[in-house]
N, C-alpha and C. Protein backbone atom coordinates (compact mmCIF):
# COMPACT_ATOMS: atom_id res chain seq x y z
N MET A 1 2.48 -18.49 -21.20
CA MET A 1 3.91 -18.56 -20.66
C MET A 1 4.88 -18.97 -21.62
N ALA A 2 4.32 -19.73 -22.58
CA ALA A 2 5.32 -19.94 -23.82
C ALA A 2 5.83 -18.57 -24.44
N ARG A 3 5.31 -17.50 -24.15
CA ARG A 3 5.83 -16.27 -24.87
C ARG A 3 7.22 -15.75 -24.32
N PHE A 4 7.08 -16.29 -22.91
CA PHE A 4 8.57 -15.60 -22.30
C PHE A 4 9.84 -16.79 -22.57
N PRO A 5 11.00 -16.49 -22.82
CA PRO A 5 12.33 -17.50 -23.34
C PRO A 5 12.25 -18.29 -21.68
N GLU A 6 12.64 -19.53 -21.73
CA GLU A 6 12.78 -20.42 -20.62
C GLU A 6 13.71 -19.66 -19.81
N GLY A 7 14.63 -18.87 -19.89
CA GLY A 7 15.64 -18.36 -18.81
C GLY A 7 15.23 -17.11 -18.28
N GLU A 8 14.07 -16.38 -18.76
CA GLU A 8 13.67 -15.34 -18.35
C GLU A 8 12.85 -15.58 -17.20
N GLU A 9 13.37 -14.97 -15.87
CA GLU A 9 12.79 -15.10 -14.59
C GLU A 9 11.48 -14.22 -14.64
N ILE A 10 10.32 -14.85 -14.04
CA ILE A 10 9.01 -14.43 -13.96
C ILE A 10 8.70 -14.40 -12.26
N ALA A 11 8.30 -13.24 -11.73
CA ALA A 11 7.99 -13.19 -10.43
C ALA A 11 6.68 -13.27 -9.98
N THR A 12 5.76 -12.63 -10.82
CA THR A 12 4.45 -12.90 -10.54
C THR A 12 3.50 -12.71 -11.95
N VAL A 13 2.52 -13.60 -11.88
CA VAL A 13 1.50 -13.69 -13.04
C VAL A 13 0.35 -13.15 -12.64
N THR A 14 -0.12 -11.92 -13.18
CA THR A 14 -1.45 -11.30 -12.84
C THR A 14 -2.49 -11.79 -13.90
N ALA A 15 -3.61 -12.13 -13.75
CA ALA A 15 -4.62 -12.59 -14.79
C ALA A 15 -5.87 -12.55 -14.29
N ASP A 16 -7.24 -12.51 -15.25
CA ASP A 16 -8.42 -12.54 -14.80
C ASP A 16 -8.85 -14.00 -14.19
N GLY A 17 -10.11 -14.19 -14.08
CA GLY A 17 -10.68 -15.16 -13.77
C GLY A 17 -10.79 -16.37 -14.89
N ALA A 18 -10.68 -15.88 -16.08
CA ALA A 18 -10.59 -16.95 -17.37
C ALA A 18 -9.28 -17.78 -17.24
N TYR A 19 -8.11 -17.31 -16.61
CA TYR A 19 -7.18 -18.28 -16.48
C TYR A 19 -6.96 -18.80 -14.96
N GLU A 20 -7.98 -19.02 -14.49
CA GLU A 20 -7.97 -19.45 -13.05
C GLU A 20 -8.29 -21.49 -13.39
N THR A 21 -7.51 -21.74 -13.94
CA THR A 21 -7.35 -23.29 -14.37
C THR A 21 -6.26 -23.96 -13.84
N GLN A 22 -6.48 -25.25 -13.72
CA GLN A 22 -5.35 -26.01 -13.32
C GLN A 22 -4.00 -26.02 -14.10
N ARG A 23 -4.53 -25.93 -15.36
CA ARG A 23 -3.19 -26.01 -16.32
C ARG A 23 -2.42 -24.69 -16.28
N CYS A 24 -3.26 -23.50 -16.07
CA CYS A 24 -2.69 -22.15 -15.87
C CYS A 24 -1.80 -22.29 -14.80
N HIS A 25 -2.31 -22.80 -13.53
CA HIS A 25 -1.64 -22.70 -12.39
C HIS A 25 -0.33 -23.59 -12.29
N ALA A 26 -0.50 -24.72 -13.14
CA ALA A 26 0.43 -25.56 -13.17
C ALA A 26 1.75 -24.79 -13.86
N ALA A 27 1.31 -24.11 -15.00
CA ALA A 27 2.45 -23.44 -15.73
C ALA A 27 3.07 -22.52 -15.18
N ILE A 28 2.38 -21.79 -14.21
CA ILE A 28 2.94 -20.75 -13.55
C ILE A 28 3.81 -21.33 -12.45
N ILE A 29 3.65 -22.20 -11.84
CA ILE A 29 4.53 -22.82 -10.64
C ILE A 29 5.43 -23.59 -11.38
N GLU A 30 5.33 -24.04 -12.38
CA GLU A 30 6.59 -24.43 -13.30
C GLU A 30 7.51 -23.70 -13.25
N ARG A 31 7.24 -22.50 -13.78
CA ARG A 31 8.28 -21.28 -14.00
C ARG A 31 8.61 -20.68 -12.62
N GLY A 32 8.38 -21.20 -11.41
CA GLY A 32 8.39 -20.50 -9.98
C GLY A 32 8.12 -19.13 -9.86
N ALA A 33 6.91 -18.73 -10.26
CA ALA A 33 6.01 -17.40 -10.32
C ALA A 33 4.98 -17.76 -9.51
N ASP A 34 4.49 -16.61 -8.67
CA ASP A 34 3.41 -16.58 -8.00
C ASP A 34 2.24 -16.30 -8.86
N ALA A 35 0.92 -16.85 -8.58
CA ALA A 35 -0.33 -16.65 -9.31
C ALA A 35 -1.04 -15.42 -8.74
N VAL A 36 -1.42 -14.49 -9.39
CA VAL A 36 -2.25 -13.53 -8.65
C VAL A 36 -3.55 -13.40 -9.69
N ILE A 37 -4.33 -14.54 -9.40
CA ILE A 37 -5.72 -14.81 -10.25
C ILE A 37 -6.74 -14.84 -9.17
N PRO A 38 -7.72 -14.11 -9.33
CA PRO A 38 -8.96 -14.10 -8.39
C PRO A 38 -9.79 -15.32 -8.67
N ILE A 39 -10.07 -15.88 -7.54
CA ILE A 39 -11.14 -17.17 -7.57
C ILE A 39 -12.51 -16.75 -8.15
N ARG A 40 -12.97 -17.44 -9.03
CA ARG A 40 -14.23 -17.19 -9.63
C ARG A 40 -15.29 -17.27 -8.49
N ARG A 41 -16.40 -16.51 -8.70
CA ARG A 41 -17.29 -16.41 -7.68
C ARG A 41 -17.84 -17.89 -7.20
N ASP A 42 -18.04 -18.79 -7.97
CA ASP A 42 -18.51 -19.96 -7.69
C ASP A 42 -17.40 -21.05 -7.36
N GLY A 43 -16.18 -20.56 -7.35
CA GLY A 43 -14.83 -21.31 -7.21
C GLY A 43 -15.01 -22.30 -5.92
N ARG A 44 -14.88 -23.39 -5.91
CA ARG A 44 -14.75 -24.61 -5.22
C ARG A 44 -13.30 -25.17 -5.03
N ALA A 45 -13.09 -25.85 -3.90
CA ALA A 45 -11.75 -26.41 -4.10
C ALA A 45 -11.36 -27.61 -4.99
N TRP A 46 -10.40 -27.62 -5.42
CA TRP A 46 -9.97 -28.52 -6.35
C TRP A 46 -9.79 -30.02 -5.54
N LYS A 47 -10.09 -31.03 -6.10
CA LYS A 47 -9.85 -32.37 -5.57
C LYS A 47 -8.71 -32.92 -5.48
N GLU A 48 -7.52 -32.38 -6.66
CA GLU A 48 -6.24 -33.11 -6.87
C GLU A 48 -5.57 -32.58 -5.78
N ASP A 49 -4.31 -33.23 -5.28
CA ASP A 49 -3.42 -32.70 -4.36
C ASP A 49 -2.27 -32.56 -5.11
N CYS A 50 -2.27 -31.69 -6.15
CA CYS A 50 -0.87 -31.19 -7.16
C CYS A 50 -0.65 -29.68 -6.51
N PRO A 51 0.55 -29.45 -6.80
CA PRO A 51 1.03 -28.26 -6.37
C PRO A 51 0.16 -27.04 -6.73
N ALA A 52 -0.50 -27.00 -8.01
CA ALA A 52 -1.34 -26.11 -8.27
C ALA A 52 -2.73 -25.81 -7.73
N ALA A 53 -3.08 -27.01 -7.15
CA ALA A 53 -4.24 -27.11 -6.15
C ALA A 53 -4.04 -26.40 -5.18
N ILE A 54 -2.63 -26.87 -4.35
CA ILE A 54 -2.27 -26.50 -3.19
C ILE A 54 -2.20 -24.87 -3.39
N ALA A 55 -1.67 -24.37 -4.16
CA ALA A 55 -1.37 -22.95 -4.33
C ALA A 55 -2.79 -22.12 -4.56
N ARG A 56 -3.36 -22.70 -5.25
CA ARG A 56 -4.96 -22.01 -5.50
C ARG A 56 -5.81 -22.09 -4.16
N GLU A 57 -5.68 -23.19 -3.39
CA GLU A 57 -6.24 -23.34 -1.68
C GLU A 57 -5.82 -22.04 -1.29
N GLU A 58 -4.59 -21.67 -1.22
CA GLU A 58 -4.11 -20.58 -0.39
C GLU A 58 -4.85 -19.20 -0.75
N ILE A 59 -5.01 -19.12 -2.05
CA ILE A 59 -5.95 -17.86 -2.66
C ILE A 59 -7.24 -18.13 -2.21
N LEU A 60 -7.90 -19.27 -2.35
CA LEU A 60 -9.34 -19.53 -1.99
C LEU A 60 -9.69 -19.12 -0.62
N ARG A 61 -8.56 -19.85 0.31
CA ARG A 61 -8.87 -19.60 1.73
C ARG A 61 -8.83 -17.83 2.05
N ALA A 62 -7.78 -17.26 1.51
CA ALA A 62 -7.64 -15.78 1.70
C ALA A 62 -8.99 -15.11 1.25
N THR A 63 -9.61 -15.33 -0.05
CA THR A 63 -10.76 -14.84 -0.53
C THR A 63 -11.93 -14.99 0.53
N ARG A 64 -11.91 -16.40 0.80
CA ARG A 64 -12.89 -16.50 1.85
C ARG A 64 -13.04 -15.81 3.19
N HIS A 65 -11.69 -15.49 3.54
CA HIS A 65 -11.28 -14.97 5.11
C HIS A 65 -11.90 -13.54 4.74
N LEU A 66 -11.27 -12.78 3.76
CA LEU A 66 -11.05 -11.49 3.58
C LEU A 66 -12.26 -10.70 2.68
N GLY A 67 -12.90 -11.61 1.86
CA GLY A 67 -14.12 -11.38 1.01
C GLY A 67 -13.24 -10.88 -0.24
N ARG A 68 -14.01 -10.74 -1.10
CA ARG A 68 -13.50 -10.71 -2.76
C ARG A 68 -12.99 -9.44 -3.02
N ALA A 69 -13.47 -8.06 -2.55
CA ALA A 69 -12.76 -6.95 -2.83
C ALA A 69 -11.48 -6.87 -2.04
N PRO A 70 -11.55 -7.01 -1.02
CA PRO A 70 -10.09 -6.77 -0.23
C PRO A 70 -9.15 -7.96 -0.65
N ALA A 71 -9.60 -9.14 -1.07
CA ALA A 71 -8.57 -10.12 -1.67
C ALA A 71 -8.11 -9.56 -2.69
N LYS A 72 -9.01 -9.12 -3.60
CA LYS A 72 -8.38 -8.34 -5.04
C LYS A 72 -7.37 -7.42 -4.92
N ARG A 73 -7.63 -6.57 -3.67
CA ARG A 73 -6.87 -5.50 -3.68
C ARG A 73 -5.43 -6.11 -3.03
N TRP A 74 -5.37 -7.10 -2.18
CA TRP A 74 -4.52 -7.73 -1.39
C TRP A 74 -3.33 -8.39 -2.53
N ALA A 75 -4.10 -8.75 -3.42
CA ALA A 75 -3.45 -9.77 -4.41
C ALA A 75 -2.94 -8.60 -5.43
N GLY A 76 -3.37 -7.42 -5.60
CA GLY A 76 -2.71 -6.43 -6.64
C GLY A 76 -3.78 -6.50 -7.66
N TYR A 77 -4.85 -6.99 -7.84
CA TYR A 77 -5.45 -7.28 -8.99
C TYR A 77 -6.33 -6.04 -9.22
N ASP A 78 -6.37 -5.01 -8.57
CA ASP A 78 -6.90 -3.69 -8.67
C ASP A 78 -6.16 -2.85 -9.42
N VAL A 79 -4.69 -3.16 -9.60
CA VAL A 79 -3.67 -2.58 -10.49
C VAL A 79 -4.23 -2.89 -11.89
N GLN A 80 -4.09 -4.33 -12.15
CA GLN A 80 -4.65 -4.82 -13.20
C GLN A 80 -5.95 -4.42 -13.82
N SER A 81 -6.93 -3.98 -13.00
CA SER A 81 -8.09 -3.45 -13.35
C SER A 81 -8.07 -2.05 -14.04
N GLN A 82 -7.25 -1.33 -13.00
CA GLN A 82 -6.65 -0.05 -13.44
C GLN A 82 -6.13 0.23 -14.77
N ASP A 83 -5.23 -0.72 -15.17
CA ASP A 83 -4.57 -0.85 -16.36
C ASP A 83 -5.41 -1.16 -17.41
N ALA A 84 -6.43 -2.14 -17.25
CA ALA A 84 -7.29 -2.45 -18.39
C ALA A 84 -8.29 -1.24 -18.63
N ALA A 85 -8.67 -0.43 -17.38
CA ALA A 85 -9.54 0.84 -17.42
C ALA A 85 -8.65 1.84 -18.63
N ARG A 86 -7.48 1.96 -18.34
CA ARG A 86 -6.74 2.96 -19.14
C ARG A 86 -6.74 2.53 -20.47
N MET A 87 -6.32 1.08 -20.70
CA MET A 87 -6.19 0.73 -22.22
C MET A 87 -7.74 0.82 -22.83
N ASN A 88 -8.78 0.53 -22.21
CA ASN A 88 -10.04 0.90 -22.64
C ASN A 88 -10.34 2.30 -22.84
N SER A 89 -9.90 3.09 -22.22
CA SER A 89 -9.94 4.57 -22.52
C SER A 89 -9.08 4.98 -23.78
N LEU A 90 -7.96 4.36 -23.85
CA LEU A 90 -7.17 4.58 -24.93
C LEU A 90 -8.00 4.09 -26.31
N LYS A 91 -8.47 3.05 -26.27
CA LYS A 91 -9.01 2.40 -27.48
C LYS A 91 -10.18 3.48 -27.80
N ALA A 92 -10.78 4.06 -26.83
CA ALA A 92 -12.05 4.64 -27.01
C ALA A 92 -11.69 5.89 -27.81
N PHE A 93 -10.53 6.62 -27.66
CA PHE A 93 -9.97 7.75 -28.35
C PHE A 93 -9.32 7.38 -29.54
N GLY A 94 -8.80 6.22 -29.78
CA GLY A 94 -8.49 5.59 -30.91
C GLY A 94 -7.21 6.07 -31.30
N GLU A 95 -6.24 6.55 -30.55
CA GLU A 95 -4.93 7.24 -30.84
C GLU A 95 -3.83 6.46 -30.30
N ARG A 96 -2.73 6.58 -30.73
CA ARG A 96 -1.45 6.04 -29.88
C ARG A 96 -1.09 6.71 -28.81
N ILE A 97 -0.41 5.83 -27.90
CA ILE A 97 0.13 6.41 -26.63
C ILE A 97 1.66 6.60 -26.86
N MET A 98 2.14 7.98 -26.93
CA MET A 98 3.21 8.08 -27.37
C MET A 98 4.59 8.16 -26.24
N SER A 99 4.12 7.99 -24.87
CA SER A 99 5.03 7.96 -23.91
C SER A 99 5.44 6.49 -23.61
N GLN A 100 6.64 6.11 -23.01
CA GLN A 100 6.87 4.83 -22.75
C GLN A 100 6.84 4.48 -21.23
N ASP A 101 6.66 5.35 -20.57
CA ASP A 101 6.70 5.31 -19.05
C ASP A 101 5.27 5.09 -18.62
N PRO A 102 5.00 4.25 -17.84
CA PRO A 102 3.52 3.89 -17.30
C PRO A 102 3.02 5.16 -16.60
N ASP A 103 3.59 5.88 -16.06
CA ASP A 103 3.11 7.04 -15.37
C ASP A 103 2.92 8.26 -16.51
N ARG A 104 3.79 8.34 -17.43
CA ARG A 104 3.44 9.29 -18.38
C ARG A 104 2.17 8.50 -19.40
N GLN A 105 2.24 7.57 -19.67
CA GLN A 105 1.13 7.10 -20.23
C GLN A 105 -0.30 7.37 -19.51
N THR A 106 -0.24 7.43 -18.15
CA THR A 106 -1.76 7.67 -17.43
C THR A 106 -1.84 9.10 -17.67
N ALA A 107 -0.74 9.88 -17.58
CA ALA A 107 -0.90 11.49 -17.77
C ALA A 107 -1.40 11.74 -18.99
N GLU A 108 -1.02 11.14 -19.93
CA GLU A 108 -1.31 11.35 -21.44
C GLU A 108 -2.75 11.02 -21.61
N ILE A 109 -3.22 10.14 -21.03
CA ILE A 109 -4.51 9.43 -21.28
C ILE A 109 -5.51 10.47 -20.51
N ARG A 110 -5.19 10.79 -19.27
CA ARG A 110 -5.84 11.69 -18.63
C ARG A 110 -5.97 13.01 -19.23
N ILE A 111 -4.94 13.68 -19.80
CA ILE A 111 -5.07 14.61 -20.68
C ILE A 111 -6.09 14.69 -21.75
N ARG A 112 -5.93 13.50 -22.43
CA ARG A 112 -6.75 13.33 -23.77
C ARG A 112 -8.05 13.25 -23.24
N ILE A 113 -8.86 12.73 -21.90
CA ILE A 113 -9.81 12.42 -21.57
C ILE A 113 -10.48 14.20 -21.12
N ILE A 114 -9.44 14.79 -20.32
CA ILE A 114 -10.02 16.12 -20.26
C ILE A 114 -10.25 17.11 -21.23
N ARG A 115 -9.21 16.84 -22.34
CA ARG A 115 -9.56 17.28 -23.78
C ARG A 115 -10.86 17.42 -24.26
N GLN A 116 -11.07 15.81 -24.33
CA GLN A 116 -12.56 15.28 -25.04
C GLN A 116 -13.92 16.15 -23.94
N CYS A 117 -13.52 15.79 -22.73
CA CYS A 117 -14.69 16.22 -21.85
C CYS A 117 -15.05 17.89 -22.15
N ARG A 118 -13.71 18.67 -22.26
CA ARG A 118 -13.93 19.95 -22.51
C ARG A 118 -14.64 20.45 -23.91
N SER A 119 -14.38 19.62 -24.88
CA SER A 119 -14.71 19.95 -26.28
C SER A 119 -16.12 19.63 -26.03
N ASP A 120 -16.60 18.24 -25.43
CA ASP A 120 -18.05 18.07 -25.21
C ASP A 120 -18.88 19.14 -24.74
N GLN A 121 -18.41 19.43 -23.73
CA GLN A 121 -18.87 20.69 -23.12
C GLN A 121 -19.14 22.05 -23.75
N TRP A 122 -18.16 22.24 -24.58
CA TRP A 122 -18.43 23.55 -25.53
C TRP A 122 -19.34 23.19 -26.38
N ARG A 123 -19.20 22.02 -26.97
CA ARG A 123 -20.53 21.57 -28.19
C ARG A 123 -21.78 21.65 -27.64
N ASN A 124 -21.94 21.19 -26.42
CA ASN A 124 -23.51 21.14 -25.48
C ASN A 124 -23.66 22.72 -25.50
N MET A 125 -22.86 23.52 -24.93
CA MET A 125 -23.08 24.63 -24.79
C MET A 125 -23.70 25.68 -26.12
N ALA A 126 -22.86 25.23 -27.19
CA ALA A 126 -23.23 25.77 -28.44
C ALA A 126 -24.39 25.79 -29.07
N HIS A 127 -25.17 24.43 -28.28
CA HIS A 127 -26.47 23.97 -29.03
C HIS A 127 -27.42 24.58 -28.06
N SER A 128 -27.30 24.88 -26.82
CA SER A 128 -28.27 25.08 -25.99
C SER A 128 -29.00 26.34 -26.35
């Protein structure tokens, strides 16, 4: 959270289970943002009665009520997962993304994947 200037408004913070700590939840609440952090599989209620624990309890109850997969979709965590998959595919191709717009970035990556698949097909056909 220190990366963002104090005056900059933050609506939500999406992170993975590694950031599911009291310190992270407290920093997010301090900045007035909502935490979208999935509870770890072995997640238990925190004993403290601080604002971070109260906010986390809400996520924990939703996860127990809905199940892990629906809770992640409800929280928007699936979008973060898709973004991570896009970046992973970009790293696999080892090139830069030229577009600034996220939709165009997605299209650019998909085109690269299609081109890579087609070139692999032709290589396999040539060796048959």
